[in-house]
Amino acid sequence: MKIDEIPVPDGTLIAPFAMKEAHYTDCFETPVSAPVSLAAFIRAFYTQPLFKAERLVLRIAARQPSTDAEVQALADGQADAFAVWSVSGRNEQELLMADRSGRTLSWLMADAGHLRFGSVVVPERTKLGKLTLGPVFHSLLSAHKVYSRALLSGAVRRVQPD
């Protein structure tokens, strides 16, 4: 499966963050052979085995359990929160979720020919006033990119198993 890291598309919910000073943004994209609805993409993304492992970690470490029924409600637009995230923006093709700290956001987009997944990391100010993402972020960036590709790949396999 071909997954490319591309520039954040203009006009998307994630685009304003790409313009902000010291913010990290990324966007991973894969083509799809047939249109996939945003709701189907949300369900596939958040109920795939790899993400269910993340949900288990969040249940234990953050004491924030989540269920497939909650994912379904999110996908159907009947819920504005899921696990540690709340909806920050939504339209017919996109979902932008912010974690409860406000420091990280996750973005999904389904259009006629592609599925996209992206992330935002919001910097903090040091005591000297400089914006920084911090050493932990930089040490985990390579792993984040591998994980992001794996999540997108897993979701695509669930909506287009060919």
N, C-alpha and C. Protein backbone atom coordinates (compact mmCIF):
# COMPACT_ATOMS: atom_id res chain seq x y z
N MET A 1 0.85 -1.18 0.00
CA MET A 1 0.00 0.00 0.00
C MET A 1 0.89 1.24 0.00
N LYS A 2 0.57 2.16 -0.87
CA LYS A 2 1.35 3.38 -1.00
C LYS A 2 0.82 4.44 -0.03
N ILE A 3 1.65 4.88 0.87
CA ILE A 3 1.31 5.96 1.79
C ILE A 3 2.41 6.99 1.69
N ASP A 4 2.02 8.21 1.34
CA ASP A 4 2.98 9.29 1.18
C ASP A 4 2.79 10.33 2.27
N GLU A 5 3.90 10.93 2.69
CA GLU A 5 3.81 12.11 3.54
C GLU A 5 3.78 13.29 2.59
N ILE A 6 2.74 14.10 2.69
CA ILE A 6 2.55 15.23 1.79
C ILE A 6 2.42 16.51 2.60
N PRO A 7 2.57 17.67 1.94
CA PRO A 7 2.29 18.92 2.64
C PRO A 7 0.83 18.97 3.08
N VAL A 8 0.57 19.64 4.16
CA VAL A 8 -0.81 19.81 4.64
C VAL A 8 -1.59 20.54 3.56
N PRO A 9 -2.72 19.96 3.11
CA PRO A 9 -3.50 20.61 2.05
C PRO A 9 -4.10 21.95 2.47
N ASP A 10 -3.98 22.93 1.60
CA ASP A 10 -4.59 24.24 1.83
C ASP A 10 -6.10 24.11 2.01
N GLY A 11 -6.65 24.95 2.84
CA GLY A 11 -8.09 25.00 3.02
C GLY A 11 -8.68 23.93 3.92
N THR A 12 -7.84 23.07 4.48
CA THR A 12 -8.32 22.02 5.37
C THR A 12 -8.35 22.52 6.82
N LEU A 13 -9.00 21.75 7.67
CA LEU A 13 -9.09 22.12 9.08
C LEU A 13 -7.72 22.16 9.77
N ILE A 14 -6.78 21.41 9.25
CA ILE A 14 -5.45 21.34 9.86
C ILE A 14 -4.51 22.43 9.31
N ALA A 15 -4.87 23.01 8.16
CA ALA A 15 -4.00 23.98 7.48
C ALA A 15 -3.60 25.19 8.34
N PRO A 16 -4.50 25.79 9.12
CA PRO A 16 -4.08 26.95 9.91
C PRO A 16 -2.94 26.66 10.87
N PHE A 17 -2.86 25.43 11.36
CA PHE A 17 -1.79 25.08 12.30
C PHE A 17 -0.43 25.02 11.60
N ALA A 18 -0.43 24.66 10.31
CA ALA A 18 0.82 24.57 9.56
C ALA A 18 1.44 25.95 9.38
N MET A 19 0.64 26.99 9.53
CA MET A 19 1.12 28.37 9.36
C MET A 19 1.59 28.99 10.67
N LYS A 20 1.31 28.33 11.79
CA LYS A 20 1.63 28.92 13.09
C LYS A 20 3.08 28.64 13.47
N GLU A 21 3.67 29.60 14.11
CA GLU A 21 5.06 29.50 14.54
C GLU A 21 5.29 28.29 15.44
N ALA A 22 6.31 27.52 15.11
CA ALA A 22 6.83 26.40 15.91
C ALA A 22 5.87 25.23 16.06
N HIS A 23 4.72 25.26 15.41
CA HIS A 23 3.79 24.12 15.46
C HIS A 23 4.30 23.02 14.54
N TYR A 24 4.13 21.77 14.95
CA TYR A 24 4.44 20.64 14.09
C TYR A 24 3.14 20.17 13.45
N THR A 25 3.15 19.98 12.15
CA THR A 25 2.01 19.37 11.46
C THR A 25 2.54 18.34 10.48
N ASP A 26 1.75 17.31 10.26
CA ASP A 26 2.08 16.34 9.22
C ASP A 26 0.80 15.86 8.56
N CYS A 27 0.96 15.24 7.41
CA CYS A 27 -0.18 14.71 6.67
C CYS A 27 0.29 13.49 5.89
N PHE A 28 -0.38 12.38 6.12
CA PHE A 28 -0.10 11.14 5.40
C PHE A 28 -1.32 10.84 4.53
N GLU A 29 -1.07 10.39 3.31
CA GLU A 29 -2.14 10.21 2.33
C GLU A 29 -1.96 8.89 1.61
N THR A 30 -3.08 8.26 1.32
CA THR A 30 -3.08 7.07 0.48
C THR A 30 -4.26 7.14 -0.47
N PRO A 31 -4.05 6.70 -1.72
CA PRO A 31 -5.18 6.69 -2.65
C PRO A 31 -6.14 5.55 -2.32
N VAL A 32 -7.40 5.74 -2.66
CA VAL A 32 -8.41 4.69 -2.50
C VAL A 32 -9.07 4.47 -3.86
N SER A 33 -9.47 3.23 -4.10
CA SER A 33 -10.03 2.88 -5.40
C SER A 33 -11.49 3.27 -5.55
N ALA A 34 -12.17 3.47 -4.44
CA ALA A 34 -13.58 3.89 -4.46
C ALA A 34 -13.78 4.88 -3.31
N PRO A 35 -14.72 5.79 -3.46
CA PRO A 35 -14.96 6.77 -2.39
C PRO A 35 -15.28 6.10 -1.06
N VAL A 36 -14.77 6.69 0.01
CA VAL A 36 -15.02 6.24 1.38
C VAL A 36 -15.60 7.42 2.14
N SER A 37 -16.70 7.20 2.83
CA SER A 37 -17.29 8.29 3.61
C SER A 37 -16.42 8.59 4.83
N LEU A 38 -16.54 9.80 5.32
CA LEU A 38 -15.82 10.17 6.54
C LEU A 38 -16.24 9.26 7.68
N ALA A 39 -17.53 8.97 7.80
CA ALA A 39 -18.02 8.11 8.88
C ALA A 39 -17.37 6.72 8.81
N ALA A 40 -17.29 6.15 7.63
CA ALA A 40 -16.66 4.83 7.48
C ALA A 40 -15.18 4.89 7.84
N PHE A 41 -14.52 5.98 7.45
CA PHE A 41 -13.10 6.14 7.77
C PHE A 41 -12.90 6.27 9.28
N ILE A 42 -13.73 7.05 9.94
CA ILE A 42 -13.63 7.21 11.39
C ILE A 42 -13.79 5.85 12.08
N ARG A 43 -14.83 5.11 11.69
CA ARG A 43 -15.05 3.78 12.29
C ARG A 43 -13.86 2.86 12.07
N ALA A 44 -13.37 2.82 10.83
CA ALA A 44 -12.25 1.93 10.50
C ALA A 44 -10.98 2.34 11.26
N PHE A 45 -10.73 3.63 11.36
CA PHE A 45 -9.53 4.13 12.01
C PHE A 45 -9.51 3.80 13.51
N TYR A 46 -10.59 4.15 14.18
CA TYR A 46 -10.61 4.04 15.64
C TYR A 46 -10.99 2.66 16.17
N THR A 47 -11.40 1.75 15.29
CA THR A 47 -11.73 0.38 15.75
C THR A 47 -10.75 -0.66 15.23
N GLN A 48 -9.74 -0.25 14.49
CA GLN A 48 -8.74 -1.22 14.00
C GLN A 48 -7.93 -1.76 15.18
N PRO A 49 -7.35 -2.95 15.04
CA PRO A 49 -6.60 -3.55 16.14
C PRO A 49 -5.47 -2.67 16.69
N LEU A 50 -4.72 -2.00 15.83
CA LEU A 50 -3.61 -1.17 16.31
C LEU A 50 -4.13 -0.02 17.18
N PHE A 51 -5.20 0.62 16.76
CA PHE A 51 -5.73 1.71 17.57
C PHE A 51 -6.42 1.20 18.82
N LYS A 52 -6.98 0.00 18.76
CA LYS A 52 -7.57 -0.57 19.97
C LYS A 52 -6.50 -0.78 21.04
N ALA A 53 -5.27 -1.06 20.61
CA ALA A 53 -4.17 -1.16 21.58
C ALA A 53 -3.92 0.19 22.23
N GLU A 54 -3.97 1.26 21.45
CA GLU A 54 -3.83 2.61 22.02
C GLU A 54 -4.97 2.92 22.97
N ARG A 55 -6.17 2.51 22.61
CA ARG A 55 -7.32 2.72 23.49
C ARG A 55 -7.14 1.98 24.82
N LEU A 56 -6.55 0.79 24.77
CA LEU A 56 -6.27 0.04 26.00
C LEU A 56 -5.28 0.80 26.88
N VAL A 57 -4.24 1.33 26.27
CA VAL A 57 -3.25 2.13 27.03
C VAL A 57 -3.94 3.34 27.67
N LEU A 58 -4.80 4.01 26.92
CA LEU A 58 -5.50 5.17 27.45
C LEU A 58 -6.45 4.79 28.58
N ARG A 59 -7.07 3.62 28.46
CA ARG A 59 -7.95 3.15 29.53
C ARG A 59 -7.17 2.95 30.82
N ILE A 60 -5.97 2.40 30.71
CA ILE A 60 -5.16 2.10 31.89
C ILE A 60 -4.42 3.34 32.39
N ALA A 61 -3.68 3.99 31.49
CA ALA A 61 -2.80 5.09 31.90
C ALA A 61 -3.56 6.39 32.18
N ALA A 62 -4.58 6.68 31.37
CA ALA A 62 -5.31 7.94 31.54
C ALA A 62 -6.67 7.75 32.19
N ARG A 63 -6.97 6.48 32.52
CA ARG A 63 -8.28 6.15 33.10
C ARG A 63 -9.41 6.71 32.23
N GLN A 64 -9.25 6.49 30.92
CA GLN A 64 -10.20 7.00 29.95
C GLN A 64 -10.64 5.86 29.03
N PRO A 65 -11.60 5.06 29.49
CA PRO A 65 -12.07 3.96 28.66
C PRO A 65 -12.86 4.47 27.46
N SER A 66 -12.93 3.64 26.42
CA SER A 66 -13.72 3.98 25.25
C SER A 66 -14.26 2.70 24.64
N THR A 67 -15.35 2.83 23.91
CA THR A 67 -16.00 1.67 23.32
C THR A 67 -16.21 1.88 21.83
N ASP A 68 -16.46 0.77 21.13
CA ASP A 68 -16.79 0.86 19.71
C ASP A 68 -18.09 1.62 19.50
N ALA A 69 -19.02 1.54 20.45
CA ALA A 69 -20.27 2.29 20.36
C ALA A 69 -20.00 3.79 20.40
N GLU A 70 -19.03 4.21 21.19
CA GLU A 70 -18.65 5.63 21.22
C GLU A 70 -18.02 6.05 19.90
N VAL A 71 -17.24 5.18 19.30
CA VAL A 71 -16.67 5.46 17.98
C VAL A 71 -17.80 5.62 16.97
N GLN A 72 -18.79 4.74 17.03
CA GLN A 72 -19.93 4.81 16.11
C GLN A 72 -20.66 6.14 16.27
N ALA A 73 -20.87 6.56 17.50
CA ALA A 73 -21.55 7.84 17.75
C ALA A 73 -20.72 9.00 17.19
N LEU A 74 -19.42 8.95 17.36
CA LEU A 74 -18.53 9.97 16.81
C LEU A 74 -18.63 9.97 15.28
N ALA A 75 -18.57 8.79 14.69
CA ALA A 75 -18.65 8.67 13.23
C ALA A 75 -19.97 9.21 12.70
N ASP A 76 -21.04 8.98 13.43
CA ASP A 76 -22.37 9.42 13.01
C ASP A 76 -22.64 10.89 13.32
N GLY A 77 -21.69 11.56 13.96
CA GLY A 77 -21.89 12.96 14.32
C GLY A 77 -22.78 13.16 15.52
N GLN A 78 -22.99 12.09 16.31
CA GLN A 78 -23.85 12.17 17.48
C GLN A 78 -23.07 12.37 18.77
N ALA A 79 -21.75 12.41 18.67
CA ALA A 79 -20.90 12.63 19.84
C ALA A 79 -19.80 13.61 19.46
N ASP A 80 -19.39 14.41 20.42
CA ASP A 80 -18.32 15.37 20.20
C ASP A 80 -17.07 15.04 21.00
N ALA A 81 -17.04 13.84 21.58
CA ALA A 81 -15.88 13.43 22.36
C ALA A 81 -15.70 11.92 22.24
N PHE A 82 -14.45 11.51 22.41
CA PHE A 82 -14.10 10.09 22.35
C PHE A 82 -12.78 9.92 23.09
N ALA A 83 -12.77 9.04 24.07
CA ALA A 83 -11.57 8.78 24.89
C ALA A 83 -11.02 10.12 25.39
N VAL A 84 -9.77 10.47 25.07
CA VAL A 84 -9.17 11.71 25.58
C VAL A 84 -9.32 12.88 24.61
N TRP A 85 -10.08 12.69 23.53
CA TRP A 85 -10.21 13.72 22.50
C TRP A 85 -11.61 14.31 22.47
N SER A 86 -11.67 15.55 22.01
CA SER A 86 -12.96 16.17 21.71
C SER A 86 -12.88 16.80 20.32
N VAL A 87 -14.02 16.93 19.69
CA VAL A 87 -14.06 17.47 18.34
C VAL A 87 -13.70 18.95 18.38
N SER A 88 -12.71 19.29 17.60
CA SER A 88 -12.27 20.68 17.48
C SER A 88 -12.81 21.30 16.20
N GLY A 89 -13.09 20.46 15.21
CA GLY A 89 -13.65 20.92 13.95
C GLY A 89 -14.15 19.73 13.15
N ARG A 90 -15.17 19.98 12.35
CA ARG A 90 -15.73 18.89 11.55
C ARG A 90 -16.47 19.48 10.36
N ASN A 91 -16.35 18.81 9.23
CA ASN A 91 -17.17 19.12 8.06
C ASN A 91 -17.45 17.81 7.35
N GLU A 92 -17.99 17.83 6.14
CA GLU A 92 -18.39 16.60 5.46
C GLU A 92 -17.22 15.66 5.17
N GLN A 93 -16.01 16.21 5.01
CA GLN A 93 -14.86 15.40 4.65
C GLN A 93 -13.82 15.26 5.76
N GLU A 94 -13.90 16.07 6.81
CA GLU A 94 -12.82 16.13 7.79
C GLU A 94 -13.32 16.05 9.23
N LEU A 95 -12.44 15.51 10.07
CA LEU A 95 -12.64 15.51 11.52
C LEU A 95 -11.33 15.92 12.16
N LEU A 96 -11.39 16.92 13.03
CA LEU A 96 -10.21 17.37 13.77
C LEU A 96 -10.52 17.19 15.25
N MET A 97 -9.67 16.40 15.92
CA MET A 97 -9.87 16.09 17.34
C MET A 97 -8.68 16.64 18.14
N ALA A 98 -8.97 17.29 19.26
CA ALA A 98 -7.93 17.80 20.16
C ALA A 98 -7.92 16.96 21.43
N ASP A 99 -6.73 16.64 21.91
CA ASP A 99 -6.67 15.93 23.19
C ASP A 99 -6.98 16.90 24.31
N ARG A 100 -7.24 16.37 25.49
CA ARG A 100 -7.71 17.24 26.57
C ARG A 100 -6.67 18.25 27.04
N SER A 101 -5.39 18.02 26.73
CA SER A 101 -4.36 18.99 27.08
C SER A 101 -4.33 20.15 26.08
N GLY A 102 -4.87 19.91 24.89
CA GLY A 102 -4.82 20.91 23.84
C GLY A 102 -3.49 20.96 23.11
N ARG A 103 -2.57 20.09 23.48
CA ARG A 103 -1.23 20.12 22.86
C ARG A 103 -1.12 19.25 21.62
N THR A 104 -2.01 18.29 21.45
CA THR A 104 -1.96 17.47 20.25
C THR A 104 -3.35 17.37 19.63
N LEU A 105 -3.36 17.34 18.31
CA LEU A 105 -4.60 17.19 17.56
C LEU A 105 -4.40 16.10 16.52
N SER A 106 -5.48 15.40 16.22
CA SER A 106 -5.48 14.37 15.19
C SER A 106 -6.52 14.74 14.16
N TRP A 107 -6.20 14.46 12.90
CA TRP A 107 -7.05 14.89 11.80
C TRP A 107 -7.27 13.75 10.82
N LEU A 108 -8.50 13.55 10.41
CA LEU A 108 -8.85 12.57 9.39
C LEU A 108 -9.57 13.29 8.27
N MET A 109 -9.28 12.86 7.03
CA MET A 109 -9.97 13.42 5.87
C MET A 109 -10.23 12.32 4.86
N ALA A 110 -11.45 12.28 4.37
CA ALA A 110 -11.84 11.34 3.33
C ALA A 110 -12.40 12.14 2.17
N ASP A 111 -11.73 12.07 1.01
CA ASP A 111 -12.29 12.70 -0.18
C ASP A 111 -12.46 11.63 -1.24
N ALA A 112 -12.85 12.02 -2.43
CA ALA A 112 -13.20 11.04 -3.47
C ALA A 112 -12.07 10.09 -3.82
N GLY A 113 -10.84 10.51 -3.72
CA GLY A 113 -9.75 9.65 -4.16
C GLY A 113 -8.69 9.32 -3.14
N HIS A 114 -8.80 9.87 -1.92
CA HIS A 114 -7.74 9.69 -0.93
C HIS A 114 -8.30 9.61 0.49
N LEU A 115 -7.54 8.96 1.35
CA LEU A 115 -7.74 9.05 2.79
C LEU A 115 -6.49 9.69 3.35
N ARG A 116 -6.69 10.60 4.29
CA ARG A 116 -5.56 11.31 4.88
C ARG A 116 -5.66 11.29 6.40
N PHE A 117 -4.48 11.23 7.04
CA PHE A 117 -4.37 11.30 8.49
C PHE A 117 -3.24 12.25 8.82
N GLY A 118 -3.50 13.15 9.73
CA GLY A 118 -2.48 14.11 10.11
C GLY A 118 -2.50 14.39 11.60
N SER A 119 -1.43 15.03 12.03
CA SER A 119 -1.28 15.37 13.44
C SER A 119 -0.78 16.80 13.57
N VAL A 120 -1.08 17.38 14.71
CA VAL A 120 -0.57 18.69 15.10
C VAL A 120 -0.01 18.55 16.50
N VAL A 121 1.16 19.14 16.73
CA VAL A 121 1.69 19.27 18.08
C VAL A 121 1.90 20.76 18.32
N VAL A 122 1.28 21.24 19.39
CA VAL A 122 1.32 22.66 19.74
C VAL A 122 2.50 22.89 20.68
N PRO A 123 3.34 23.87 20.38
CA PRO A 123 4.51 24.12 21.24
C PRO A 123 4.12 24.76 22.57
N GLU A 124 5.06 24.67 23.50
CA GLU A 124 4.92 25.35 24.79
C GLU A 124 5.96 26.46 24.85
N ARG A 125 5.73 27.41 25.71
CA ARG A 125 6.72 28.49 25.93
C ARG A 125 7.66 28.10 27.04
N THR A 126 8.93 28.31 26.80
CA THR A 126 9.93 28.09 27.85
C THR A 126 9.86 29.27 28.83
N LYS A 127 10.60 29.18 29.90
CA LYS A 127 10.65 30.28 30.87
C LYS A 127 11.21 31.55 30.25
N LEU A 128 12.00 31.36 29.19
CA LEU A 128 12.56 32.52 28.49
C LEU A 128 11.65 33.04 27.38
N GLY A 129 10.48 32.41 27.22
CA GLY A 129 9.50 32.87 26.25
C GLY A 129 9.61 32.26 24.87
N LYS A 130 10.57 31.36 24.68
CA LYS A 130 10.74 30.73 23.36
C LYS A 130 9.74 29.58 23.20
N LEU A 131 9.15 29.46 22.01
CA LEU A 131 8.26 28.34 21.72
C LEU A 131 9.08 27.10 21.40
N THR A 132 8.71 25.98 22.01
CA THR A 132 9.44 24.73 21.78
C THR A 132 8.49 23.54 21.84
N LEU A 133 8.83 22.53 21.06
CA LEU A 133 8.09 21.27 21.13
C LEU A 133 8.71 20.34 22.16
N GLY A 134 9.95 20.58 22.52
CA GLY A 134 10.60 19.83 23.58
C GLY A 134 11.35 18.60 23.10
N PRO A 135 12.27 18.13 23.94
CA PRO A 135 13.12 17.00 23.56
C PRO A 135 12.38 15.68 23.42
N VAL A 136 11.32 15.50 24.20
CA VAL A 136 10.55 14.24 24.10
C VAL A 136 9.93 14.14 22.71
N PHE A 137 9.33 15.23 22.25
CA PHE A 137 8.74 15.22 20.91
C PHE A 137 9.79 14.84 19.87
N HIS A 138 10.92 15.50 19.91
CA HIS A 138 11.97 15.25 18.90
C HIS A 138 12.48 13.82 18.96
N SER A 139 12.57 13.26 20.15
CA SER A 139 13.06 11.88 20.27
C SER A 139 12.05 10.86 19.76
N LEU A 140 10.76 11.22 19.74
CA LEU A 140 9.71 10.29 19.31
C LEU A 140 9.21 10.52 17.89
N LEU A 141 9.74 11.52 17.20
CA LEU A 141 9.21 11.89 15.89
C LEU A 141 9.29 10.75 14.87
N SER A 142 10.40 10.06 14.79
CA SER A 142 10.52 8.95 13.83
C SER A 142 9.50 7.86 14.13
N ALA A 143 9.34 7.51 15.40
CA ALA A 143 8.36 6.49 15.78
C ALA A 143 6.94 6.97 15.47
N HIS A 144 6.67 8.24 15.70
CA HIS A 144 5.35 8.81 15.39
C HIS A 144 5.02 8.63 13.91
N LYS A 145 5.98 8.89 13.05
CA LYS A 145 5.75 8.78 11.60
C LYS A 145 5.48 7.33 11.19
N VAL A 146 6.21 6.40 11.76
CA VAL A 146 5.97 4.98 11.48
C VAL A 146 4.58 4.58 11.97
N TYR A 147 4.25 5.00 13.17
CA TYR A 147 2.94 4.69 13.76
C TYR A 147 1.81 5.31 12.94
N SER A 148 1.98 6.54 12.48
CA SER A 148 0.96 7.21 11.68
C SER A 148 0.70 6.46 10.38
N ARG A 149 1.76 6.02 9.73
CA ARG A 149 1.61 5.24 8.49
C ARG A 149 0.89 3.92 8.77
N ALA A 150 1.25 3.28 9.87
CA ALA A 150 0.62 2.00 10.23
C ALA A 150 -0.87 2.19 10.54
N LEU A 151 -1.22 3.26 11.23
CA LEU A 151 -2.63 3.53 11.53
C LEU A 151 -3.42 3.77 10.25
N LEU A 152 -2.88 4.58 9.36
CA LEU A 152 -3.59 4.86 8.10
C LEU A 152 -3.73 3.58 7.28
N SER A 153 -2.68 2.81 7.21
CA SER A 153 -2.71 1.55 6.47
C SER A 153 -3.76 0.60 7.04
N GLY A 154 -3.81 0.48 8.36
CA GLY A 154 -4.79 -0.40 9.01
C GLY A 154 -6.21 0.03 8.75
N ALA A 155 -6.45 1.34 8.75
CA ALA A 155 -7.80 1.84 8.48
C ALA A 155 -8.20 1.57 7.04
N VAL A 156 -7.29 1.80 6.12
CA VAL A 156 -7.58 1.58 4.70
C VAL A 156 -7.92 0.13 4.46
N ARG A 157 -7.19 -0.79 5.06
CA ARG A 157 -7.49 -2.22 4.89
C ARG A 157 -8.88 -2.58 5.37
N ARG A 158 -9.39 -1.86 6.35
CA ARG A 158 -10.73 -2.15 6.87
C ARG A 158 -11.83 -1.59 5.97
N VAL A 159 -11.56 -0.51 5.24
CA VAL A 159 -12.60 0.05 4.36
C VAL A 159 -12.47 -0.41 2.92
N GLN A 160 -11.26 -0.83 2.53
CA GLN A 160 -11.03 -1.32 1.17
C GLN A 160 -10.09 -2.53 1.27
N PRO A 161 -10.63 -3.69 1.60
CA PRO A 161 -9.79 -4.85 1.88
C PRO A 161 -9.04 -5.45 0.69
N ASP A 162 -9.26 -4.96 -0.50
CA ASP A 162 -8.57 -5.50 -1.69
C ASP A 162 -7.08 -5.37 -1.60
